[in-house]
């Protein structure tokens, strides 16, 4: 089975005075025309719950977990620190918005790594051996907490928000027609019905990828990374695959965590974000 590493660099601004906390929408069931596997016959997906995660299989990522199960995957909670023995229990590891204990419910810097050096080495070696990692880091403070793990795979976060410097408007639309959305087996899908021609993002965090990446979403020169200390850091923000040296898997860096969520937000008007299906074969 071909394995992959997927890293999400994500941002979805949470303003307590404007939005209520996102509530999972468990009623909407997006159709899956052709499931990747028969029921419970697919790879085992472990969703991390051991690092003060904002998203878990029974919480904000319940719709995502449900989608995976309907696509044939076996979904389990990962509730222990990462080790080679623990990671051997599954094929795919999902880490969504992990934090260090000191920042749990306290989003004030500094933001130390959510993972120990031993855990990072275990995950790195597991991916090198063929495991698949889906690492999701939303807006600050999560990119900083995930940066040390991401760096082990050649991905380096800017701990801020990526916006158009002039307009600071959202969403930002990436299109095949203008070259900002690249052709790739992910965007092409397995059939015409799965083909993606445009992607909308709402305030993604920025990162850079070391040599060897295949960009899928490409921001223009007007997009900068707004951080706590500066408001004009021209950090490239990209989405794409990267094959770490010597690895049997691949690394996919994405922008936008809500792609894998389905939530209702109470604001001036309802907002729904539907899950996206990724077949990790």
C-alpha atoms as a PDB file:
ATOM      1  CA  UNK A   1       0.000   0.000   0.000  1.00  0.00           C
ATOM      2  CA  UNK A   2       1.371   3.367  -0.988  1.00  0.00           C
ATOM      3  CA  UNK A   3       1.740   5.687   1.996  1.00  0.00           C
ATOM      4  CA  UNK A   4       1.778   9.455   2.290  1.00  0.00           C
ATOM      5  CA  UNK A   5       2.573  12.199   4.700  1.00  0.00           C
ATOM      6  CA  UNK A   6       0.091  15.050   4.621  1.00  0.00           C
ATOM      7  CA  UNK A   7       0.636  18.275   6.507  1.00  0.00           C
ATOM      8  CA  UNK A   8      -2.026  20.937   6.829  1.00  0.00           C
ATOM      9  CA  UNK A   9      -1.046  24.543   7.440  1.00  0.00           C
ATOM     10  CA  UNK A  10      -4.367  26.079   8.271  1.00  0.00           C
ATOM     11  CA  UNK A  11      -5.992  29.226   9.523  1.00  0.00           C
ATOM     12  CA  UNK A  12      -9.538  30.061  10.451  1.00  0.00           C
ATOM     13  CA  UNK A  13      -9.707  33.161  12.596  1.00  0.00           C
ATOM     14  CA  UNK A  14     -11.666  32.683  15.794  1.00  0.00           C
ATOM     15  CA  UNK A  15     -12.925  35.968  17.238  1.00  0.00           C
ATOM     16  CA  UNK A  16     -14.781  35.370  20.471  1.00  0.00           C
ATOM     17  CA  UNK A  17     -16.758  38.560  20.150  1.00  0.00           C
ATOM     18  CA  UNK A  18     -18.006  37.656  16.653  1.00  0.00           C
ATOM     19  CA  UNK A  19     -18.215  33.872  16.397  1.00  0.00           C
ATOM     20  CA  UNK A  20     -19.404  31.220  18.773  1.00  0.00           C
ATOM     21  CA  UNK A  21     -17.352  28.072  19.027  1.00  0.00           C
ATOM     22  CA  UNK A  22     -17.719  25.831  15.938  1.00  0.00           C
ATOM     23  CA  UNK A  23     -20.283  23.094  16.450  1.00  0.00           C
ATOM     24  CA  UNK A  24     -19.913  19.839  14.491  1.00  0.00           C
ATOM     25  CA  UNK A  25     -22.715  19.232  12.013  1.00  0.00           C
ATOM     26  CA  UNK A  26     -23.520  15.529  12.286  1.00  0.00           C
ATOM     27  CA  UNK A  27     -26.655  15.668  10.120  1.00  0.00           C
ATOM     28  CA  UNK A  28     -25.181  16.383   6.692  1.00  0.00           C
ATOM     29  CA  UNK A  29     -23.728  13.290   5.029  1.00  0.00           C
ATOM     30  CA  UNK A  30     -21.853  14.146   1.802  1.00  0.00           C
ATOM     31  CA  UNK A  31     -22.232  11.370  -0.722  1.00  0.00           C
ATOM     32  CA  UNK A  32     -19.329   9.106  -1.647  1.00  0.00           C
ATOM     33  CA  UNK A  33     -19.947   7.892  -5.175  1.00  0.00           C
ATOM     34  CA  UNK A  34     -17.376   5.124  -4.999  1.00  0.00           C
ATOM     35  CA  UNK A  35     -15.941   4.290  -1.557  1.00  0.00           C
ATOM     36  CA  UNK A  36     -12.230   3.566  -1.547  1.00  0.00           C
ATOM     37  CA  UNK A  37     -12.736   0.380   0.482  1.00  0.00           C
ATOM     38  CA  UNK A  38     -15.461  -1.962   1.623  1.00  0.00           C
ATOM     39  CA  UNK A  39     -16.884  -1.178   5.054  1.00  0.00           C
ATOM     40  CA  UNK A  40     -14.130  -1.429   7.715  1.00  0.00           C
ATOM     41  CA  UNK A  41     -11.764  -3.034   5.191  1.00  0.00           C
ATOM     42  CA  UNK A  42      -9.471  -0.041   4.706  1.00  0.00           C
ATOM     43  CA  UNK A  43      -6.371   1.214   6.530  1.00  0.00           C
ATOM     44  CA  UNK A  44      -6.481   2.048  10.235  1.00  0.00           C
ATOM     45  CA  UNK A  45      -6.584   5.821  10.849  1.00  0.00           C
ATOM     46  CA  UNK A  46      -5.385   6.984  14.264  1.00  0.00           C
ATOM     47  CA  UNK A  47      -6.630  10.447  15.294  1.00  0.00           C
ATOM     48  CA  UNK A  48      -4.410  12.029  17.931  1.00  0.00           C
ATOM     49  CA  UNK A  49      -6.039  12.901  21.258  1.00  0.00           C
ATOM     50  CA  UNK A  50      -2.898  12.928  23.430  1.00  0.00           C
ATOM     51  CA  UNK A  51      -1.658  16.482  22.812  1.00  0.00           C
ATOM     52  CA  UNK A  52      -4.415  18.869  23.955  1.00  0.00           C
ATOM     53  CA  UNK A  53      -5.899  18.711  20.467  1.00  0.00           C
ATOM     54  CA  UNK A  54      -8.523  21.223  19.369  1.00  0.00           C
ATOM     55  CA  UNK A  55      -9.976  18.644  16.960  1.00  0.00           C
ATOM     56  CA  UNK A  56     -10.752  15.056  17.946  1.00  0.00           C
ATOM     57  CA  UNK A  57     -12.727  12.181  16.437  1.00  0.00           C
ATOM     58  CA  UNK A  58     -15.539  12.636  18.943  1.00  0.00           C
ATOM     59  CA  UNK A  59     -15.499  16.435  18.860  1.00  0.00           C
ATOM     60  CA  UNK A  60     -14.955  18.974  16.071  1.00  0.00           C
ATOM     61  CA  UNK A  61     -13.668  16.274  13.706  1.00  0.00           C
ATOM     62  CA  UNK A  62     -16.567  13.891  14.277  1.00  0.00           C
ATOM     63  CA  UNK A  63     -17.908  14.571  10.744  1.00  0.00           C
ATOM     64  CA  UNK A  64     -14.428  13.861   9.329  1.00  0.00           C
ATOM     65  CA  UNK A  65     -14.183  10.603  11.280  1.00  0.00           C
ATOM     66  CA  UNK A  66     -17.648   9.640  10.067  1.00  0.00           C
ATOM     67  CA  UNK A  67     -16.673  10.434   6.471  1.00  0.00           C
ATOM     68  CA  UNK A  68     -13.584   8.234   6.735  1.00  0.00           C
ATOM     69  CA  UNK A  69     -15.610   5.348   8.131  1.00  0.00           C
ATOM     70  CA  UNK A  70     -18.131   5.619   5.302  1.00  0.00           C
ATOM     71  CA  UNK A  71     -15.191   5.548   2.874  1.00  0.00           C
ATOM     72  CA  UNK A  72     -14.098   2.215   4.339  1.00  0.00           C
ATOM     73  CA  UNK A  73     -11.387   3.328   6.771  1.00  0.00           C
ATOM     74  CA  UNK A  74     -11.130   2.086  10.352  1.00  0.00           C
ATOM     75  CA  UNK A  75     -10.915   5.094  12.703  1.00  0.00           C
ATOM     76  CA  UNK A  76      -9.400   4.889  16.184  1.00  0.00           C
ATOM     77  CA  UNK A  77      -8.390   7.417  18.846  1.00  0.00           C
ATOM     78  CA  UNK A  78      -4.658   7.725  19.611  1.00  0.00           C
ATOM     79  CA  UNK A  79      -4.494   8.578  23.304  1.00  0.00           C
ATOM     80  CA  UNK A  80      -0.872   7.822  24.186  1.00  0.00           C
ATOM     81  CA  UNK A  81       2.423   9.606  23.413  1.00  0.00           C
ATOM     82  CA  UNK A  82       3.899   8.708  20.048  1.00  0.00           C
ATOM     83  CA  UNK A  83       6.283   5.777  19.970  1.00  0.00           C
ATOM     84  CA  UNK A  84       7.222   3.186  17.378  1.00  0.00           C
ATOM     85  CA  UNK A  85       5.125   0.557  19.150  1.00  0.00           C
ATOM     86  CA  UNK A  86       2.106   2.855  19.390  1.00  0.00           C
ATOM     87  CA  UNK A  87       2.345   3.929  15.751  1.00  0.00           C
ATOM     88  CA  UNK A  88       2.506   0.326  14.576  1.00  0.00           C
ATOM     89  CA  UNK A  89      -1.156   0.031  15.581  1.00  0.00           C
ATOM     90  CA  UNK A  90      -2.265   2.004  12.513  1.00  0.00           C
ATOM     91  CA  UNK A  91      -1.495   3.009   8.949  1.00  0.00           C
ATOM     92  CA  UNK A  92      -2.398   6.715   9.008  1.00  0.00           C
ATOM     93  CA  UNK A  93      -1.862   9.205  11.842  1.00  0.00           C
ATOM     94  CA  UNK A  94      -3.975  12.370  11.992  1.00  0.00           C
ATOM     95  CA  UNK A  95      -2.733  15.189  14.247  1.00  0.00           C
ATOM     96  CA  UNK A  96      -5.130  18.133  14.327  1.00  0.00           C
ATOM     97  CA  UNK A  97      -4.194  21.350  16.132  1.00  0.00           C
ATOM     98  CA  UNK A  98      -2.010  19.986  18.912  1.00  0.00           C
ATOM     99  CA  UNK A  99      -0.698  22.198  21.714  1.00  0.00           C
ATOM    100  CA  UNK A 100       1.816  22.025  24.506  1.00  0.00           C
ATOM    101  CA  UNK A 101       0.208  21.588  27.903  1.00  0.00           C
ATOM    102  CA  UNK A 102       1.243  25.113  28.957  1.00  0.00           C
ATOM    103  CA  UNK A 103      -0.875  26.639  26.157  1.00  0.00           C
ATOM    104  CA  UNK A 104      -3.995  24.556  26.711  1.00  0.00           C
ATOM    105  CA  UNK A 105      -6.749  27.187  27.092  1.00  0.00           C
ATOM    106  CA  UNK A 106      -3.981  29.830  27.388  1.00  0.00           C
ATOM    107  CA  UNK A 107      -3.000  31.152  23.954  1.00  0.00           C
ATOM    108  CA  UNK A 108      -0.269  33.504  25.107  1.00  0.00           C
ATOM    109  CA  UNK A 109       3.338  33.149  23.875  1.00  0.00           C
ATOM    110  CA  UNK A 110       5.709  31.456  24.039  1.00  0.00           C
ATOM    111  CA  UNK A 111       4.371  28.444  22.134  1.00  0.00           C
ATOM    112  CA  UNK A 112       6.683  25.470  22.737  1.00  0.00           C
ATOM    113  CA  UNK A 113       6.425  22.310  20.699  1.00  0.00           C
ATOM    114  CA  UNK A 114       3.441  20.079  21.352  1.00  0.00           C
ATOM    115  CA  UNK A 115       5.722  17.066  20.903  1.00  0.00           C
ATOM    116  CA  UNK A 116       8.853  15.792  22.615  1.00  0.00           C
ATOM    117  CA  UNK A 117      12.019  15.095  20.663  1.00  0.00           C
ATOM    118  CA  UNK A 118      11.447  11.383  21.200  1.00  0.00           C
ATOM    119  CA  UNK A 119       7.941  11.612  19.728  1.00  0.00           C
ATOM    120  CA  UNK A 120       9.181  13.563  16.707  1.00  0.00           C
ATOM    121  CA  UNK A 121      11.844  10.958  16.013  1.00  0.00           C
ATOM    122  CA  UNK A 122       9.295   8.157  16.359  1.00  0.00           C
ATOM    123  CA  UNK A 123       6.891   9.797  13.909  1.00  0.00           C
ATOM    124  CA  UNK A 124       9.703  10.630  11.475  1.00  0.00           C
ATOM    125  CA  UNK A 125      11.039   7.067  11.496  1.00  0.00           C
ATOM    126  CA  UNK A 126       7.517   5.667  11.144  1.00  0.00           C
ATOM    127  CA  UNK A 127       6.863   7.814   8.052  1.00  0.00           C
ATOM    128  CA  UNK A 128      10.241   6.912   6.602  1.00  0.00           C
ATOM    129  CA  UNK A 129       9.197   3.286   6.957  1.00  0.00           C
ATOM    130  CA  UNK A 130       5.951   3.828   5.069  1.00  0.00           C
ATOM    131  CA  UNK A 131       3.505   5.340   7.562  1.00  0.00           C
ATOM    132  CA  UNK A 132       1.201   8.207   6.563  1.00  0.00           C
ATOM    133  CA  UNK A 133       0.959  11.418   8.580  1.00  0.00           C
ATOM    134  CA  UNK A 134      -1.771  14.022   8.231  1.00  0.00           C
ATOM    135  CA  UNK A 135      -0.576  17.012  10.266  1.00  0.00           C
ATOM    136  CA  UNK A 136      -3.051  19.874  10.630  1.00  0.00           C
ATOM    137  CA  UNK A 137      -2.018  23.217  12.115  1.00  0.00           C
ATOM    138  CA  UNK A 138      -4.513  26.057  12.210  1.00  0.00           C
ATOM    139  CA  UNK A 139      -3.813  29.731  12.896  1.00  0.00           C
ATOM    140  CA  UNK A 140      -1.631  30.895  15.782  1.00  0.00           C
ATOM    141  CA  UNK A 141      -0.831  29.292  18.236  1.00  0.00           C
ATOM    142  CA  UNK A 142      -0.983  25.940  16.418  1.00  0.00           C
ATOM    143  CA  UNK A 143       1.670  26.491  13.686  1.00  0.00           C
ATOM    144  CA  UNK A 144       4.295  27.260  16.313  1.00  0.00           C
ATOM    145  CA  UNK A 145       3.344  24.177  18.325  1.00  0.00           C
ATOM    146  CA  UNK A 146       3.604  21.968  15.231  1.00  0.00           C
ATOM    147  CA  UNK A 147       6.670  23.578  13.638  1.00  0.00           C
ATOM    148  CA  UNK A 148       9.294  21.330  15.196  1.00  0.00           C
ATOM    149  CA  UNK A 149       7.519  18.203  13.967  1.00  0.00           C
ATOM    150  CA  UNK A 150       6.882  19.730  10.535  1.00  0.00           C
ATOM    151  CA  UNK A 151      10.540  20.777  10.280  1.00  0.00           C
ATOM    152  CA  UNK A 152      11.569  17.137  10.556  1.00  0.00           C
ATOM    153  CA  UNK A 153       9.931  16.737   7.130  1.00  0.00           C
ATOM    154  CA  UNK A 154      11.301  19.911   5.554  1.00  0.00           C
ATOM    155  CA  UNK A 155       8.265  22.124   6.212  1.00  0.00           C
ATOM    156  CA  UNK A 156       8.686  25.390   8.141  1.00  0.00           C
ATOM    157  CA  UNK A 157       5.740  27.374   9.474  1.00  0.00           C
ATOM    158  CA  UNK A 158       5.369  31.118   9.844  1.00  0.00           C
ATOM    159  CA  UNK A 159       3.271  31.535  13.018  1.00  0.00           C
ATOM    160  CA  UNK A 160       0.734  34.009  11.673  1.00  0.00           C
ATOM    161  CA  UNK A 161      -2.048  34.507   9.131  1.00  0.00           C
ATOM    162  CA  UNK A 162      -1.608  34.691   5.347  1.00  0.00           C
ATOM    163  CA  UNK A 163      -3.619  37.535   3.815  1.00  0.00           C
ATOM    164  CA  UNK A 164      -3.531  39.852   0.847  1.00  0.00           C
ATOM    165  CA  UNK A 165      -1.464  42.763   2.142  1.00  0.00           C
ATOM    166  CA  UNK A 166      -3.621  45.433   0.498  1.00  0.00           C
ATOM    167  CA  UNK A 167      -7.164  44.156   0.823  1.00  0.00           C
ATOM    168  CA  UNK A 168      -6.871  41.638   3.673  1.00  0.00           C
ATOM    169  CA  UNK A 169     -10.006  40.196   2.085  1.00  0.00           C
ATOM    170  CA  UNK A 170     -11.252  36.622   2.183  1.00  0.00           C
ATOM    171  CA  UNK A 171     -11.772  34.161   0.726  1.00  0.00           C
ATOM    172  CA  UNK A 172      -8.764  33.787  -1.545  1.00  0.00           C
ATOM    173  CA  UNK A 173      -9.711  31.741  -4.622  1.00  0.00           C
ATOM    174  CA  UNK A 174      -7.228  29.413  -6.317  1.00  0.00           C
ATOM    175  CA  UNK A 175      -8.161  28.416  -9.883  1.00  0.00           C
ATOM    176  CA  UNK A 176      -6.867  26.143 -12.592  1.00  0.00           C
ATOM    177  CA  UNK A 177      -7.716  28.843 -15.107  1.00  0.00           C
ATOM    178  CA  UNK A 178      -5.158  31.299 -13.718  1.00  0.00           C
ATOM    179  CA  UNK A 179      -2.512  28.785 -12.691  1.00  0.00           C
ATOM    180  CA  UNK A 180      -2.890  29.231  -8.932  1.00  0.00           C
ATOM    181  CA  UNK A 181      -4.367  25.721  -8.672  1.00  0.00           C
ATOM    182  CA  UNK A 182      -2.007  23.186 -10.214  1.00  0.00           C
ATOM    183  CA  UNK A 183      -2.866  19.957 -11.970  1.00  0.00           C
ATOM    184  CA  UNK A 184      -2.113  16.958  -9.778  1.00  0.00           C
ATOM    185  CA  UNK A 185      -3.598  13.550  -9.050  1.00  0.00           C
ATOM    186  CA  UNK A 186      -5.186  15.039  -5.925  1.00  0.00           C
ATOM    187  CA  UNK A 187      -6.920  17.858  -7.806  1.00  0.00           C
ATOM    188  CA  UNK A 188      -7.650  15.630 -10.809  1.00  0.00           C
ATOM    189  CA  UNK A 189      -9.330  12.962  -8.691  1.00  0.00           C
ATOM    190  CA  UNK A 190     -10.151   9.477  -9.937  1.00  0.00           C
ATOM    191  CA  UNK A 191     -12.932  10.645 -12.250  1.00  0.00           C
ATOM    192  CA  UNK A 192     -14.444  13.777 -13.755  1.00  0.00           C
ATOM    193  CA  UNK A 193     -16.835  14.011 -10.796  1.00  0.00           C
ATOM    194  CA  UNK A 194     -13.889  14.245  -8.377  1.00  0.00           C
ATOM    195  CA  UNK A 195     -11.981  16.864 -10.372  1.00  0.00           C
ATOM    196  CA  UNK A 196     -11.358  20.126  -8.485  1.00  0.00           C
ATOM    197  CA  UNK A 197     -11.235  23.342 -10.534  1.00  0.00           C
ATOM    198  CA  UNK A 198     -11.122  25.929  -7.747  1.00  0.00           C
ATOM    199  CA  UNK A 199     -10.398  26.092  -4.021  1.00  0.00           C
ATOM    200  CA  UNK A 200     -11.409  28.832  -1.572  1.00  0.00           C
ATOM    201  CA  UNK A 201      -9.317  29.505   1.529  1.00  0.00           C
ATOM    202  CA  UNK A 202     -10.142  31.687   4.504  1.00  0.00           C
ATOM    203  CA  UNK A 203      -6.999  33.131   6.092  1.00  0.00           C
ATOM    204  CA  UNK A 204      -4.399  30.372   5.822  1.00  0.00           C
ATOM    205  CA  UNK A 205      -1.162  30.316   7.761  1.00  0.00           C
ATOM    206  CA  UNK A 206       2.102  30.569   5.832  1.00  0.00           C
ATOM    207  CA  UNK A 207       4.966  28.141   5.458  1.00  0.00           C
ATOM    208  CA  UNK A 208       7.887  27.312   3.220  1.00  0.00           C
ATOM    209  CA  UNK A 209       8.880  23.929   1.877  1.00  0.00           C
ATOM    210  CA  UNK A 210      12.427  22.790   1.262  1.00  0.00           C
ATOM    211  CA  UNK A 211      13.570  21.766  -2.206  1.00  0.00           C
ATOM    212  CA  UNK A 212      11.580  18.988  -3.795  1.00  0.00           C
ATOM    213  CA  UNK A 213       8.008  20.198  -3.297  1.00  0.00           C
ATOM    214  CA  UNK A 214       5.247  20.118  -5.919  1.00  0.00           C
ATOM    215  CA  UNK A 215       3.027  23.168  -5.266  1.00  0.00           C
ATOM    216  CA  UNK A 216      -0.709  22.716  -5.732  1.00  0.00           C
ATOM    217  CA  UNK A 217      -2.018  26.022  -4.352  1.00  0.00           C
ATOM    218  CA  UNK A 218       0.215  28.995  -5.167  1.00  0.00           C
ATOM    219  CA  UNK A 219      -0.276  32.388  -3.536  1.00  0.00           C
ATOM    220  CA  UNK A 220       0.593  35.504  -5.489  1.00  0.00           C
ATOM    221  CA  UNK A 221       3.211  38.103  -4.484  1.00  0.00           C
ATOM    222  CA  UNK A 222       0.595  40.233  -2.689  1.00  0.00           C
ATOM    223  CA  UNK A 223       0.058  37.665   0.061  1.00  0.00           C
ATOM    224  CA  UNK A 224       2.072  38.121   3.240  1.00  0.00           C
ATOM    225  CA  UNK A 225       2.177  36.491   6.648  1.00  0.00           C
ATOM    226  CA  UNK A 226       0.832  38.653   9.458  1.00  0.00           C
ATOM    227  CA  UNK A 227       2.436  37.652  12.751  1.00  0.00           C
ATOM    228  CA  UNK A 228       2.394  39.046  16.275  1.00  0.00           C
ATOM    229  CA  UNK A 229       5.560  41.051  15.708  1.00  0.00           C
ATOM    230  CA  UNK A 230       5.396  42.015  12.040  1.00  0.00           C
ATOM    231  CA  UNK A 231       2.709  42.678   9.461  1.00  0.00           C
ATOM    232  CA  UNK A 232       4.713  42.335   6.274  1.00  0.00           C
ATOM    233  CA  UNK A 233       6.648  39.092   6.322  1.00  0.00           C
ATOM    234  CA  UNK A 234       6.755  37.858   2.729  1.00  0.00           C
ATOM    235  CA  UNK A 235       6.693  34.169   3.572  1.00  0.00           C
ATOM    236  CA  UNK A 236       5.720  31.948   0.613  1.00  0.00           C
ATOM    237  CA  UNK A 237       2.576  29.941   1.302  1.00  0.00           C
ATOM    238  CA  UNK A 238       2.160  26.834  -0.791  1.00  0.00           C
ATOM    239  CA  UNK A 239       0.306  23.556  -0.916  1.00  0.00           C
ATOM    240  CA  UNK A 240       2.002  20.549  -2.429  1.00  0.00           C
ATOM    241  CA  UNK A 241       3.681  17.188  -2.234  1.00  0.00           C
ATOM    242  CA  UNK A 242       7.223  16.602  -1.083  1.00  0.00           C
ATOM    243  CA  UNK A 243       9.126  13.335  -0.957  1.00  0.00           C
ATOM    244  CA  UNK A 244      11.572  13.416   2.007  1.00  0.00           C
ATOM    245  CA  UNK A 245      14.934  11.878   1.156  1.00  0.00           C
ATOM    246  CA  UNK A 246      14.951   8.149   1.722  1.00  0.00           C
ATOM    247  CA  UNK A 247      11.256   8.014   2.587  1.00  0.00           C
ATOM    248  CA  UNK A 248       8.811   5.432   1.275  1.00  0.00           C
ATOM    249  CA  UNK A 249       6.007   7.944   1.680  1.00  0.00           C
ATOM    250  CA  UNK A 250       5.286  11.470   0.519  1.00  0.00           C
ATOM    251  CA  UNK A 251       4.658  14.784   2.161  1.00  0.00           C
ATOM    252  CA  UNK A 252       1.633  16.886   1.222  1.00  0.00           C
ATOM    253  CA  UNK A 253       1.417  20.407   2.633  1.00  0.00           C
ATOM    254  CA  UNK A 254      -2.059  21.934   2.562  1.00  0.00           C
ATOM    255  CA  UNK A 255      -3.627  25.235   3.554  1.00  0.00           C
ATOM    256  CA  UNK A 256      -7.022  25.200   5.287  1.00  0.00           C
ATOM    257  CA  UNK A 257      -8.100  22.911   8.102  1.00  0.00           C
ATOM    258  CA  UNK A 258     -11.825  23.437   7.581  1.00  0.00           C
ATOM    259  CA  UNK A 259     -11.556  21.292   4.443  1.00  0.00           C
ATOM    260  CA  UNK A 260     -11.781  18.310   6.773  1.00  0.00           C
ATOM    261  CA  UNK A 261     -14.510  19.681   8.992  1.00  0.00           C
ATOM    262  CA  UNK A 262     -18.218  20.227   8.823  1.00  0.00           C
ATOM    263  CA  UNK A 263     -19.350  22.893  11.278  1.00  0.00           C
ATOM    264  CA  UNK A 264     -22.044  25.420  11.939  1.00  0.00           C
ATOM    265  CA  UNK A 265     -21.009  28.822  13.246  1.00  0.00           C
ATOM    266  CA  UNK A 266     -23.363  31.301  14.803  1.00  0.00           C
ATOM    267  CA  UNK A 267     -22.666  34.651  13.256  1.00  0.00           C
ATOM    268  CA  UNK A 268     -24.441  37.207  11.104  1.00  0.00           C
ATOM    269  CA  UNK A 269     -25.186  34.403   8.652  1.00  0.00           C
ATOM    270  CA  UNK A 270     -24.659  30.630   8.834  1.00  0.00           C
ATOM    271  CA  UNK A 271     -21.454  29.195   7.429  1.00  0.00           C
ATOM    272  CA  UNK A 272     -21.010  25.552   6.491  1.00  0.00           C
ATOM    273  CA  UNK A 273     -17.778  23.939   5.429  1.00  0.00           C
ATOM    274  CA  UNK A 274     -18.089  20.529   3.813  1.00  0.00           C
ATOM    275  CA  UNK A 275     -15.449  17.811   4.180  1.00  0.00           C
ATOM    276  CA  UNK A 276     -13.116  16.960   1.324  1.00  0.00           C
ATOM    277  CA  UNK A 277     -12.422  13.309   0.571  1.00  0.00           C
ATOM    278  CA  UNK A 278      -8.782  12.302   0.240  1.00  0.00           C
ATOM    279  CA  UNK A 279      -8.123   8.673  -0.695  1.00  0.00           C
ATOM    280  CA  UNK A 280      -4.852   7.677   1.006  1.00  0.00           C
ATOM    281  CA  UNK A 281      -3.984   4.489  -0.838  1.00  0.00           C
END
